[in-house]
N, C-alpha and C. Protein backbone atom coordinates (compact mmCIF):
# COMPACT_ATOMS: atom_id res chain seq x y z
N MET A 1 88.61 129.76 93.83
CA MET A 1 89.70 129.18 93.34
C MET A 1 89.51 127.92 94.22
N VAL A 2 88.80 126.46 93.57
CA VAL A 2 88.93 125.37 93.69
C VAL A 2 90.08 124.82 93.31
N LYS A 3 91.00 123.80 94.65
CA LYS A 3 92.32 123.25 93.95
C LYS A 3 91.23 121.80 93.63
N ASP A 4 92.42 121.07 92.81
CA ASP A 4 92.80 119.96 91.96
C ASP A 4 92.94 119.04 93.17
N PHE A 5 92.05 117.75 93.32
CA PHE A 5 93.08 116.06 94.10
C PHE A 5 93.29 114.92 93.28
N ASP A 6 94.36 114.68 94.51
CA ASP A 6 94.08 113.64 93.01
C ASP A 6 93.97 112.40 94.25
N ILE A 7 93.32 112.01 92.76
CA ILE A 7 92.25 110.50 93.92
C ILE A 7 93.09 108.85 93.77
N ASP A 8 93.25 108.80 94.16
CA ASP A 8 93.46 106.93 93.85
C ASP A 8 92.80 106.03 93.68
N GLU A 9 93.17 105.93 92.19
CA GLU A 9 91.62 104.98 91.90
C GLU A 9 91.47 104.41 91.96
N ASP A 10 92.69 102.74 92.54
CA ASP A 10 91.95 102.54 93.90
C ASP A 10 90.96 102.01 94.80
N ILE A 11 91.71 103.00 95.36
CA ILE A 11 90.60 103.78 96.86
C ILE A 11 89.05 103.58 95.90
N LEU A 12 88.40 104.49 94.79
CA LEU A 12 87.11 104.47 94.48
C LEU A 12 87.01 103.50 93.89
N LYS A 13 87.58 102.47 92.89
CA LYS A 13 87.35 101.12 92.18
C LYS A 13 86.72 100.50 93.56
N ASP A 14 87.69 99.96 94.45
CA ASP A 14 86.55 99.60 95.74
C ASP A 14 85.85 99.18 96.21
N VAL A 15 86.24 100.37 96.86
CA VAL A 15 84.12 101.39 97.68
C VAL A 15 84.01 101.50 96.44
N SER A 16 83.61 101.14 95.22
CA SER A 16 82.40 100.80 94.82
C SER A 16 81.46 99.60 93.81
N PHE A 17 82.47 98.50 93.89
CA PHE A 17 81.86 98.05 93.87
C PHE A 17 81.68 96.50 95.19
N LEU A 18 82.00 97.45 96.72
CA LEU A 18 81.66 97.10 97.55
C LEU A 18 80.44 95.71 97.31
N LYS A 19 80.30 94.25 97.75
CA LYS A 19 79.58 93.21 97.98
C LYS A 19 79.49 93.24 99.42
N LYS A 20 78.03 92.26 99.73
CA LYS A 20 77.80 91.78 100.60
C LYS A 20 77.59 90.46 101.04
N TYR A 21 78.60 90.11 101.97
CA TYR A 21 78.45 88.54 102.15
C TYR A 21 78.72 88.57 103.84
N ASN A 22 76.91 87.83 104.22
CA ASN A 22 76.89 87.52 105.01
C ASN A 22 77.87 88.49 106.14
N ASN A 23 76.87 90.05 105.26
CA ASN A 23 76.70 91.29 106.70
C ASN A 23 77.64 91.49 106.58
N ILE A 24 79.27 91.29 105.92
CA ILE A 24 80.06 92.02 105.90
C ILE A 24 80.39 92.34 104.18
N TYR A 25 80.09 93.56 104.21
CA TYR A 25 81.06 94.50 103.49
C TYR A 25 82.19 94.17 102.68
N ILE A 26 82.68 93.86 101.65
CA ILE A 26 83.52 94.35 101.37
C ILE A 26 84.46 93.73 99.43
N THR A 27 85.06 94.29 98.28
CA THR A 27 85.41 93.62 97.33
C THR A 27 85.70 92.09 96.95
N GLU A 28 85.54 92.83 95.62
CA GLU A 28 86.76 91.66 95.28
C GLU A 28 87.66 91.20 95.37
N ASN A 29 88.65 92.50 95.15
CA ASN A 29 90.07 91.82 95.06
C ASN A 29 90.08 91.75 96.48
N GLN A 30 89.74 92.23 97.31
CA GLN A 30 90.31 91.56 98.97
C GLN A 30 89.27 90.82 99.41
N ILE A 31 88.87 89.87 98.78
CA ILE A 31 88.28 87.95 99.48
C ILE A 31 89.69 88.21 99.30
N ASN A 32 89.78 88.30 97.34
CA ASN A 32 91.10 87.21 96.65
C ASN A 32 91.93 87.74 97.90
N ILE A 33 92.64 88.76 97.97
CA ILE A 33 94.00 88.37 99.39
C ILE A 33 93.77 87.72 100.60
N LEU A 34 92.08 87.43 100.72
CA LEU A 34 92.24 86.61 102.03
C LEU A 34 92.79 85.03 101.88
N LYS A 35 91.52 85.17 100.75
CA LYS A 35 91.69 83.89 99.12
C LYS A 35 93.19 82.72 99.61
N LYS A 36 93.71 84.00 99.47
CA LYS A 36 95.23 83.76 99.35
C LYS A 36 95.77 83.68 100.08
N TYR A 37 95.38 84.28 101.82
CA TYR A 37 95.94 84.04 102.91
C TYR A 37 95.04 82.37 103.58
N ASN A 38 94.18 82.06 103.31
CA ASN A 38 92.91 81.12 103.19
C ASN A 38 92.60 81.26 104.66
N ILE A 39 92.11 82.32 104.22
CA ILE A 39 90.92 83.16 105.06
C ILE A 39 89.09 83.35 104.48
N ASP A 40 88.29 81.85 104.56
CA ASP A 40 87.98 81.83 104.00
C ASP A 40 86.14 83.38 104.77
N ILE A 41 86.06 84.17 104.13
CA ILE A 41 84.50 84.76 104.33
C ILE A 41 83.52 84.29 105.04
N ASN A 42 83.56 83.39 104.54
CA ASN A 42 81.86 82.41 104.64
C ASN A 42 82.40 81.77 106.06
N ASN A 43 82.67 81.58 106.07
CA ASN A 43 83.34 81.24 107.45
C ASN A 43 82.61 82.48 108.67
N TYR A 44 83.00 83.53 108.88
CA TYR A 44 82.21 84.33 109.25
C TYR A 44 80.68 84.62 109.65
N ASN A 45 80.24 85.39 110.64
CA ASN A 45 78.57 85.99 110.58
C ASN A 45 79.55 87.06 110.51
N ASN A 46 80.27 87.73 111.43
CA ASN A 46 80.07 89.51 111.03
C ASN A 46 81.63 89.88 110.95
N VAL A 47 81.41 91.38 110.30
CA VAL A 47 82.70 92.04 111.06
C VAL A 47 83.63 91.77 111.28
N LYS A 48 83.51 91.91 112.45
CA LYS A 48 84.05 91.35 113.92
C LYS A 48 85.19 90.33 114.19
N GLU A 49 84.21 89.30 113.78
CA GLU A 49 85.39 88.77 114.48
C GLU A 49 86.55 88.22 112.86
N LEU A 50 85.75 88.92 111.50
CA LEU A 50 87.14 88.99 110.60
C LEU A 50 88.47 89.78 110.55
N ILE A 51 87.62 90.76 111.23
CA ILE A 51 88.96 91.84 111.29
C ILE A 51 90.09 91.06 112.65
N PHE A 52 89.07 90.34 114.00
CA PHE A 52 89.93 89.39 114.41
C PHE A 52 91.20 89.34 114.02
N ASP A 53 90.82 87.96 112.41
CA ASP A 53 90.98 86.79 113.08
C ASP A 53 92.38 87.14 112.05
N ILE A 54 92.22 88.48 111.09
CA ILE A 54 92.65 88.24 110.54
C ILE A 54 94.00 89.40 111.05
N GLU A 55 94.29 89.86 111.55
CA GLU A 55 94.64 90.66 112.48
C GLU A 55 95.49 89.31 113.95
N LEU A 56 95.19 88.73 113.75
CA LEU A 56 95.70 87.21 114.49
C LEU A 56 96.45 86.96 113.90
N TYR A 57 96.31 86.51 112.43
CA TYR A 57 97.21 86.26 111.69
C TYR A 57 98.02 87.64 111.24
N LEU A 58 97.98 88.25 111.01
CA LEU A 58 99.31 89.48 110.87
C LEU A 58 100.51 89.21 112.63
N ASN A 59 99.83 89.65 113.61
CA ASN A 59 100.15 88.95 114.55
C ASN A 59 101.15 88.36 114.79
N ASN A 60 100.79 86.70 114.28
CA ASN A 60 101.70 85.07 114.06
C ASN A 60 102.33 85.44 112.94
N SER A 61 102.72 85.94 111.66
CA SER A 61 103.31 86.28 110.64
C SER A 61 104.24 86.84 110.96
N LEU A 62 105.85 86.71 110.30
CA LEU A 62 106.85 86.88 110.38
C LEU A 62 107.46 87.59 109.07
N CYS A 63 106.70 88.12 108.94
CA CYS A 63 106.71 89.61 108.03
C CYS A 63 105.24 89.63 107.03
N PRO A 64 106.26 91.39 106.96
CA PRO A 64 104.23 91.81 106.79
C PRO A 64 103.76 91.62 105.80
N LEU A 65 102.60 91.68 105.57
CA LEU A 65 101.80 91.44 104.43
C LEU A 65 100.63 92.36 104.31
N ASP A 66 101.98 93.61 103.64
CA ASP A 66 100.35 95.20 103.81
C ASP A 66 99.93 94.76 103.24
N ASP A 67 98.99 93.81 102.05
CA ASP A 67 97.54 93.54 101.10
C ASP A 67 96.81 92.79 102.05
N LEU A 68 96.72 92.67 102.70
CA LEU A 68 96.36 92.32 104.47
C LEU A 68 95.71 92.46 105.49
N GLU A 69 96.43 93.58 105.39
CA GLU A 69 97.12 94.65 106.62
C GLU A 69 95.71 96.19 106.34
N SER A 70 96.29 96.68 104.52
CA SER A 70 95.27 96.74 103.98
C SER A 70 93.99 97.24 104.32
N VAL A 71 93.42 95.14 104.16
CA VAL A 71 92.04 94.70 103.87
C VAL A 71 91.25 95.36 105.46
N SER A 72 92.31 94.96 106.23
CA SER A 72 92.49 94.79 107.95
C SER A 72 91.54 96.48 108.35
N GLN A 73 92.17 97.09 107.86
CA GLN A 73 91.89 99.03 107.83
C GLN A 73 90.75 99.13 107.33
N PHE A 74 91.47 98.43 105.40
CA PHE A 74 89.78 99.62 105.57
C PHE A 74 87.99 98.84 106.35
N LEU A 75 87.68 96.72 106.41
CA LEU A 75 87.01 96.79 107.23
C LEU A 75 87.02 97.27 108.41
N SER A 76 87.78 97.49 109.05
CA SER A 76 87.47 98.47 110.33
C SER A 76 87.29 99.99 110.53
N GLU A 77 87.60 100.56 109.70
CA GLU A 77 87.27 101.98 109.29
C GLU A 77 86.22 101.84 108.26
N TYR A 78 85.41 100.66 107.47
CA TYR A 78 84.15 101.10 107.52
C TYR A 78 83.00 100.58 107.60
N ASN A 79 83.38 99.51 109.05
CA ASN A 79 82.97 98.68 110.06
C ASN A 79 82.29 100.20 111.49
N TYR A 80 83.41 100.84 111.50
CA TYR A 80 83.77 102.42 112.26
C TYR A 80 82.72 103.31 111.81
N TYR A 81 82.35 103.76 110.29
CA TYR A 81 81.51 105.00 110.18
C TYR A 81 80.39 104.22 109.80
N ASN A 82 79.57 102.67 109.83
CA ASN A 82 79.08 102.85 109.06
C ASN A 82 77.88 101.98 110.07
N ASN A 83 78.72 100.96 111.55
CA ASN A 83 77.85 99.72 112.01
C ASN A 83 78.02 100.58 113.49
N ILE A 84 78.86 101.68 113.83
CA ILE A 84 79.03 102.50 114.91
C ILE A 84 78.32 103.10 115.52
N ASN A 85 76.99 103.42 116.31
CA ASN A 85 76.18 104.41 116.89
C ASN A 85 77.06 105.63 117.17
N LYS A 86 76.84 106.68 117.00
CA LYS A 86 78.45 107.60 117.46
C LYS A 86 77.45 108.88 118.08
């Protein structure tokens, strides 16, 4: 017997539209979130620098920024599973 799984359509939409910018795989939606916080992806040569600056921004923020946090989490996980030798 096969169980039905609920899959978040936003996650599927995001993963299917990954684009490469300066060796960083990211979606248009995520780029728009970065722009909202004046973070320009074109200023970064690798994903680690971008994640570092996002985390710095989040740590200095006075309020929770769930959308930016989700971008950071996605980039961290994507980097781990695709760029780290295991």
